[in-house]
N, C-alpha and C. Protein backbone atom coordinates (compact mmCIF):
# COMPACT_ATOMS: atom_id res chain seq x y z
N MET A 1 -25.52 -45.77 20.27
CA MET A 1 -26.83 -45.64 19.69
C MET A 1 -27.65 -44.73 20.57
N LEU A 2 -28.43 -43.86 19.92
CA LEU A 2 -29.31 -42.94 20.64
C LEU A 2 -30.75 -43.39 20.46
N VAL A 3 -31.47 -43.52 21.57
CA VAL A 3 -32.89 -43.87 21.56
C VAL A 3 -33.65 -42.65 22.07
N VAL A 4 -34.55 -42.12 21.23
CA VAL A 4 -35.34 -40.95 21.61
C VAL A 4 -36.80 -41.35 21.58
N GLU A 5 -37.37 -41.53 22.75
CA GLU A 5 -38.75 -42.00 22.91
C GLU A 5 -39.29 -41.44 24.22
N ASP A 6 -40.43 -40.75 24.16
CA ASP A 6 -40.97 -40.13 25.36
C ASP A 6 -41.85 -41.05 26.20
N GLU A 7 -42.30 -42.15 25.64
CA GLU A 7 -43.09 -43.09 26.45
C GLU A 7 -42.11 -43.95 27.25
N ARG A 8 -42.15 -43.80 28.57
CA ARG A 8 -41.16 -44.41 29.46
C ARG A 8 -41.04 -45.92 29.29
N VAL A 9 -42.17 -46.60 29.20
CA VAL A 9 -42.15 -48.06 29.08
C VAL A 9 -41.47 -48.47 27.77
N ILE A 10 -41.82 -47.81 26.68
CA ILE A 10 -41.22 -48.14 25.39
C ILE A 10 -39.73 -47.83 25.40
N SER A 11 -39.36 -46.68 25.95
CA SER A 11 -37.95 -46.32 26.04
C SER A 11 -37.17 -47.36 26.85
N PHE A 12 -37.73 -47.78 27.96
CA PHE A 12 -37.10 -48.80 28.81
C PHE A 12 -36.94 -50.11 28.04
N LEU A 13 -37.99 -50.53 27.33
CA LEU A 13 -37.91 -51.77 26.55
C LEU A 13 -36.86 -51.68 25.44
N PHE A 14 -36.84 -50.54 24.72
CA PHE A 14 -35.82 -50.35 23.69
C PHE A 14 -34.43 -50.47 24.31
N THR A 15 -34.21 -49.72 25.38
CA THR A 15 -32.90 -49.68 26.00
C THR A 15 -32.46 -51.06 26.46
N ARG A 16 -33.32 -51.75 27.20
CA ARG A 16 -32.97 -53.08 27.71
C ARG A 16 -32.72 -54.08 26.59
N THR A 17 -33.61 -54.07 25.61
CA THR A 17 -33.50 -55.02 24.50
C THR A 17 -32.23 -54.77 23.70
N LEU A 18 -31.94 -53.52 23.40
CA LEU A 18 -30.76 -53.20 22.59
C LEU A 18 -29.47 -53.41 23.37
N GLU A 19 -29.49 -53.11 24.66
CA GLU A 19 -28.30 -53.38 25.47
C GLU A 19 -28.04 -54.88 25.55
N SER A 20 -29.11 -55.69 25.67
CA SER A 20 -28.91 -57.15 25.69
C SER A 20 -28.37 -57.67 24.38
N ALA A 21 -28.63 -56.91 23.28
CA ALA A 21 -28.10 -57.30 21.97
C ALA A 21 -26.68 -56.78 21.76
N GLY A 22 -26.14 -56.09 22.78
CA GLY A 22 -24.76 -55.63 22.70
C GLY A 22 -24.58 -54.18 22.32
N CYS A 23 -25.67 -53.41 22.22
CA CYS A 23 -25.57 -51.99 21.85
C CYS A 23 -25.32 -51.14 23.10
N ALA A 24 -24.49 -50.13 22.95
CA ALA A 24 -24.36 -49.10 23.98
C ALA A 24 -25.44 -48.07 23.68
N VAL A 25 -26.30 -47.79 24.66
CA VAL A 25 -27.47 -46.95 24.42
C VAL A 25 -27.45 -45.69 25.27
N THR A 26 -27.70 -44.56 24.63
CA THR A 26 -28.00 -43.29 25.30
C THR A 26 -29.47 -43.04 25.05
N ALA A 27 -30.22 -42.66 26.08
CA ALA A 27 -31.66 -42.46 25.93
C ALA A 27 -32.05 -41.03 26.23
N SER A 28 -33.07 -40.56 25.51
CA SER A 28 -33.65 -39.24 25.72
C SER A 28 -35.15 -39.34 25.53
N ALA A 29 -35.90 -38.50 26.25
CA ALA A 29 -37.35 -38.51 26.14
C ALA A 29 -37.89 -37.20 25.60
N ASP A 30 -37.01 -36.33 25.10
CA ASP A 30 -37.40 -34.98 24.71
C ASP A 30 -36.66 -34.57 23.44
N GLY A 31 -37.38 -33.93 22.52
CA GLY A 31 -36.77 -33.52 21.26
C GLY A 31 -35.65 -32.51 21.42
N LEU A 32 -35.81 -31.54 22.31
CA LEU A 32 -34.75 -30.53 22.52
C LEU A 32 -33.50 -31.17 23.12
N GLU A 33 -33.70 -32.06 24.08
CA GLU A 33 -32.56 -32.76 24.68
C GLU A 33 -31.86 -33.63 23.63
N ALA A 34 -32.64 -34.33 22.82
CA ALA A 34 -32.06 -35.18 21.77
C ALA A 34 -31.26 -34.34 20.78
N LEU A 35 -31.78 -33.17 20.43
CA LEU A 35 -31.06 -32.27 19.54
C LEU A 35 -29.70 -31.93 20.12
N GLU A 36 -29.67 -31.53 21.38
CA GLU A 36 -28.41 -31.16 22.04
C GLU A 36 -27.44 -32.34 22.11
N ILE A 37 -27.95 -33.51 22.45
CA ILE A 37 -27.09 -34.70 22.52
C ILE A 37 -26.47 -34.97 21.16
N GLY A 38 -27.29 -34.89 20.11
CA GLY A 38 -26.79 -35.15 18.75
C GLY A 38 -25.85 -34.10 18.23
N LEU A 39 -25.90 -32.89 18.79
CA LEU A 39 -24.96 -31.84 18.38
C LEU A 39 -23.58 -32.03 19.00
N ARG A 40 -23.51 -32.79 20.09
CA ARG A 40 -22.21 -32.95 20.76
C ARG A 40 -21.65 -34.37 20.72
N GLU A 41 -22.48 -35.36 20.36
CA GLU A 41 -22.00 -36.75 20.34
C GLU A 41 -22.30 -37.38 18.98
N ASP A 42 -21.51 -38.39 18.63
CA ASP A 42 -21.73 -39.14 17.40
C ASP A 42 -22.39 -40.48 17.73
N PHE A 43 -23.24 -40.93 16.82
CA PHE A 43 -23.94 -42.20 17.01
C PHE A 43 -23.92 -43.00 15.72
N ASP A 44 -23.81 -44.33 15.87
CA ASP A 44 -23.89 -45.23 14.72
C ASP A 44 -25.32 -45.30 14.19
N LEU A 45 -26.29 -45.08 15.08
CA LEU A 45 -27.69 -45.19 14.71
C LEU A 45 -28.54 -44.46 15.74
N VAL A 46 -29.67 -43.90 15.28
CA VAL A 46 -30.62 -43.23 16.16
C VAL A 46 -32.01 -43.82 15.92
N LEU A 47 -32.68 -44.23 16.99
CA LEU A 47 -34.09 -44.57 16.95
C LEU A 47 -34.81 -43.32 17.43
N LEU A 48 -35.63 -42.72 16.58
CA LEU A 48 -36.21 -41.41 16.87
C LEU A 48 -37.72 -41.43 16.70
N ASP A 49 -38.43 -41.20 17.80
CA ASP A 49 -39.88 -41.09 17.74
C ASP A 49 -40.25 -39.78 17.06
N GLN A 50 -41.33 -39.76 16.32
CA GLN A 50 -41.76 -38.54 15.64
C GLN A 50 -42.40 -37.55 16.60
N ARG A 51 -43.28 -38.02 17.45
CA ARG A 51 -44.01 -37.12 18.35
C ARG A 51 -43.31 -37.08 19.70
N LEU A 52 -42.66 -35.96 19.95
CA LEU A 52 -41.88 -35.78 21.17
C LEU A 52 -42.21 -34.42 21.79
N PRO A 53 -42.06 -34.30 23.10
CA PRO A 53 -42.16 -32.97 23.68
C PRO A 53 -40.93 -32.15 23.27
N GLY A 54 -41.07 -30.87 23.19
CA GLY A 54 -39.95 -30.00 22.83
C GLY A 54 -39.85 -29.75 21.35
N LEU A 55 -39.48 -30.76 20.60
CA LEU A 55 -39.37 -30.70 19.15
C LEU A 55 -39.85 -32.03 18.58
N LEU A 56 -40.50 -31.98 17.45
CA LEU A 56 -40.87 -33.21 16.76
C LEU A 56 -39.62 -33.88 16.20
N GLY A 57 -39.70 -35.19 16.00
CA GLY A 57 -38.57 -35.93 15.46
C GLY A 57 -38.05 -35.37 14.14
N LEU A 58 -38.96 -34.98 13.24
CA LEU A 58 -38.53 -34.41 11.96
C LEU A 58 -37.76 -33.11 12.16
N GLU A 59 -38.19 -32.31 13.12
CA GLU A 59 -37.48 -31.05 13.40
C GLU A 59 -36.09 -31.33 13.96
N VAL A 60 -35.98 -32.34 14.80
CA VAL A 60 -34.66 -32.72 15.32
C VAL A 60 -33.75 -33.10 14.17
N MET A 61 -34.24 -33.95 13.26
CA MET A 61 -33.44 -34.37 12.12
C MET A 61 -33.04 -33.18 11.25
N GLN A 62 -33.98 -32.27 11.00
CA GLN A 62 -33.68 -31.10 10.17
C GLN A 62 -32.60 -30.22 10.80
N ARG A 63 -32.67 -30.05 12.11
CA ARG A 63 -31.67 -29.21 12.79
C ARG A 63 -30.30 -29.88 12.83
N TRP A 64 -30.28 -31.21 13.02
CA TRP A 64 -29.00 -31.91 12.95
C TRP A 64 -28.40 -31.73 11.56
N LYS A 65 -29.21 -31.90 10.55
CA LYS A 65 -28.75 -31.79 9.17
C LYS A 65 -28.20 -30.39 8.90
N ALA A 66 -28.93 -29.36 9.35
CA ALA A 66 -28.49 -27.97 9.16
C ALA A 66 -27.16 -27.69 9.87
N ALA A 67 -26.91 -28.41 10.96
CA ALA A 67 -25.67 -28.24 11.71
C ALA A 67 -24.56 -29.15 11.18
N GLY A 68 -24.83 -29.89 10.10
CA GLY A 68 -23.82 -30.76 9.53
C GLY A 68 -23.70 -32.10 10.22
N ARG A 69 -24.64 -32.42 11.08
CA ARG A 69 -24.61 -33.71 11.80
C ARG A 69 -25.41 -34.73 10.99
N ARG A 70 -24.82 -35.86 10.74
CA ARG A 70 -25.49 -36.91 9.95
C ARG A 70 -25.43 -38.23 10.72
N PHE A 71 -26.60 -38.75 11.01
CA PHE A 71 -26.71 -40.05 11.67
C PHE A 71 -27.72 -40.87 10.87
N PRO A 72 -27.52 -42.17 10.78
CA PRO A 72 -28.59 -42.99 10.25
C PRO A 72 -29.72 -42.99 11.29
N VAL A 73 -30.92 -42.64 10.85
CA VAL A 73 -32.06 -42.52 11.76
C VAL A 73 -33.16 -43.48 11.32
N ILE A 74 -33.64 -44.25 12.29
CA ILE A 74 -34.86 -45.03 12.09
C ILE A 74 -35.96 -44.25 12.80
N MET A 75 -36.90 -43.74 12.03
CA MET A 75 -38.02 -42.98 12.59
C MET A 75 -39.08 -43.96 13.06
N ILE A 76 -39.64 -43.68 14.23
CA ILE A 76 -40.70 -44.51 14.80
C ILE A 76 -41.91 -43.61 14.98
N SER A 77 -43.06 -44.07 14.51
CA SER A 77 -44.23 -43.20 14.62
C SER A 77 -45.53 -43.97 14.53
N GLY A 78 -46.53 -43.42 15.17
CA GLY A 78 -47.88 -43.92 15.04
C GLY A 78 -48.57 -43.34 13.81
N MET A 79 -47.90 -42.37 13.19
CA MET A 79 -48.44 -41.77 11.96
C MET A 79 -48.15 -42.75 10.82
N THR A 80 -49.20 -43.31 10.24
CA THR A 80 -49.00 -44.40 9.29
C THR A 80 -49.20 -43.98 7.84
N GLY A 81 -49.61 -42.76 7.60
CA GLY A 81 -49.86 -42.32 6.23
C GLY A 81 -48.58 -42.26 5.42
N GLU A 82 -48.72 -42.42 4.13
CA GLU A 82 -47.56 -42.39 3.25
C GLU A 82 -46.85 -41.03 3.29
N ASP A 83 -47.58 -39.94 3.51
CA ASP A 83 -46.96 -38.62 3.60
C ASP A 83 -45.98 -38.55 4.77
N ALA A 84 -46.35 -39.17 5.90
CA ALA A 84 -45.47 -39.17 7.07
C ALA A 84 -44.18 -39.94 6.77
N VAL A 85 -44.33 -41.08 6.13
CA VAL A 85 -43.17 -41.90 5.77
C VAL A 85 -42.28 -41.14 4.78
N THR A 86 -42.89 -40.59 3.75
CA THR A 86 -42.15 -39.85 2.73
C THR A 86 -41.40 -38.67 3.33
N SER A 87 -42.07 -37.92 4.21
CA SER A 87 -41.42 -36.77 4.85
C SER A 87 -40.19 -37.19 5.64
N ALA A 88 -40.32 -38.27 6.41
CA ALA A 88 -39.19 -38.75 7.20
C ALA A 88 -38.03 -39.18 6.31
N LEU A 89 -38.33 -39.89 5.24
CA LEU A 89 -37.28 -40.35 4.33
C LEU A 89 -36.63 -39.18 3.59
N GLU A 90 -37.42 -38.18 3.22
CA GLU A 90 -36.87 -37.01 2.53
C GLU A 90 -35.93 -36.21 3.42
N VAL A 91 -36.23 -36.17 4.71
CA VAL A 91 -35.36 -35.44 5.63
C VAL A 91 -34.08 -36.23 5.93
N GLY A 92 -34.12 -37.54 5.68
CA GLY A 92 -32.90 -38.31 5.86
C GLY A 92 -33.01 -39.61 6.63
N ALA A 93 -34.21 -39.98 7.08
CA ALA A 93 -34.35 -41.25 7.78
C ALA A 93 -33.99 -42.40 6.84
N VAL A 94 -33.36 -43.42 7.38
CA VAL A 94 -33.00 -44.59 6.58
C VAL A 94 -34.06 -45.68 6.66
N ASP A 95 -34.98 -45.53 7.62
CA ASP A 95 -36.03 -46.52 7.79
C ASP A 95 -37.16 -45.87 8.58
N TYR A 96 -38.32 -46.52 8.57
CA TYR A 96 -39.51 -45.99 9.24
C TYR A 96 -40.26 -47.17 9.83
N ILE A 97 -40.45 -47.16 11.13
CA ILE A 97 -41.19 -48.23 11.80
C ILE A 97 -42.51 -47.65 12.28
N ARG A 98 -43.58 -48.29 11.84
CA ARG A 98 -44.92 -47.85 12.24
C ARG A 98 -45.34 -48.54 13.54
N LYS A 99 -45.93 -47.75 14.43
CA LYS A 99 -46.52 -48.32 15.64
C LYS A 99 -47.88 -48.89 15.26
N PRO A 100 -48.28 -50.02 15.83
CA PRO A 100 -47.56 -50.83 16.80
C PRO A 100 -46.51 -51.70 16.12
N PHE A 101 -45.50 -52.07 16.86
CA PHE A 101 -44.41 -52.88 16.36
C PHE A 101 -44.05 -53.91 17.42
N THR A 102 -43.23 -54.87 17.05
CA THR A 102 -42.71 -55.83 18.03
C THR A 102 -41.26 -55.47 18.32
N MET A 103 -40.79 -55.83 19.48
CA MET A 103 -39.39 -55.57 19.81
C MET A 103 -38.47 -56.36 18.88
N GLN A 104 -38.91 -57.52 18.44
CA GLN A 104 -38.10 -58.30 17.49
C GLN A 104 -37.92 -57.53 16.19
N GLU A 105 -38.99 -56.88 15.71
CA GLU A 105 -38.89 -56.08 14.49
C GLU A 105 -37.87 -54.97 14.67
N VAL A 106 -37.92 -54.28 15.78
CA VAL A 106 -36.98 -53.19 16.04
C VAL A 106 -35.55 -53.73 16.10
N THR A 107 -35.36 -54.79 16.87
CA THR A 107 -34.02 -55.38 17.00
C THR A 107 -33.48 -55.84 15.64
N ASP A 108 -34.32 -56.47 14.84
CA ASP A 108 -33.89 -56.93 13.52
C ASP A 108 -33.48 -55.76 12.64
N ARG A 109 -34.27 -54.71 12.64
CA ARG A 109 -33.93 -53.55 11.81
C ARG A 109 -32.67 -52.85 12.29
N VAL A 110 -32.49 -52.78 13.60
CA VAL A 110 -31.27 -52.18 14.14
C VAL A 110 -30.06 -53.01 13.69
N LYS A 111 -30.15 -54.32 13.81
CA LYS A 111 -29.03 -55.18 13.41
C LYS A 111 -28.71 -55.01 11.93
N VAL A 112 -29.73 -54.91 11.09
CA VAL A 112 -29.51 -54.71 9.66
C VAL A 112 -28.77 -53.39 9.44
N ARG A 113 -29.21 -52.33 10.09
CA ARG A 113 -28.60 -51.01 9.91
C ARG A 113 -27.18 -50.94 10.46
N LEU A 114 -26.90 -51.75 11.47
CA LEU A 114 -25.54 -51.77 12.04
C LEU A 114 -24.67 -52.83 11.38
N GLY A 115 -25.12 -53.35 10.26
CA GLY A 115 -24.32 -54.34 9.53
C GLY A 115 -24.34 -55.70 10.16
N GLY A 116 -25.43 -56.01 10.89
CA GLY A 116 -25.55 -57.33 11.50
C GLY A 116 -24.79 -57.48 12.80
N VAL A 117 -24.12 -56.42 13.22
CA VAL A 117 -23.31 -56.48 14.43
C VAL A 117 -23.82 -55.43 15.40
N ALA A 118 -24.12 -55.84 16.62
CA ALA A 118 -24.51 -54.85 17.65
C ALA A 118 -23.29 -54.05 18.07
N ARG A 119 -23.50 -52.74 18.26
CA ARG A 119 -22.39 -51.87 18.67
C ARG A 119 -22.73 -51.11 19.92
């Protein structure tokens, strides 16, 4: 699983929580770095923040898609408008989590997307 979040505390919490649930986690804090990681590695699921340094989350998804890379992506964003949600889903996100959120919400959604089994 790839976690792309530039806020260090949130990234740390995601990583620790998901690892405790049995997920193998790769973390990135930058859109360009996340793009490169996704071009060379496969992931069962990606948690992707929308606002990132380097490239926005939507741009990362668009570039992966253009390169033929397909990952289930849960977009995370403080942007709560319906246009933001629609844009993420149109580009290929399978889910959208609005900030603020609880770690339980994130863990539950990850488990659902991974078929109830942590990987």
